[in-house]
């Protein structure tokens, strides 16, 4: 996969800190994103999820399902992915 096909995502934690931005393949599942988030979760925080089921990803007001891909999540967002990779960015909130 070419680098220009990757989608840049940034995740905002409940306390306002960010994880990312990082680039992901559009076929990456939400469950895989959650695993990556758990691996990058800031150390020493009092509140930290233990499993991917403890993490909720919300984009455009919708909770993303674990079996969805990034492309699926974008299609549920009703905003098409742009052809310009610089505009293929997403900020998801983690609760």
Foldseek 3Di string as FASTA:
>chain_A
DDPLQWAFEWEAEPVGDIDDRDTDHQQAFPQNVLVVCLVVPDPPDPDHDDHSVQKWWDFCRDTGDRGDGNQRVVVVNVHHQDPGRVRRYGYIYID
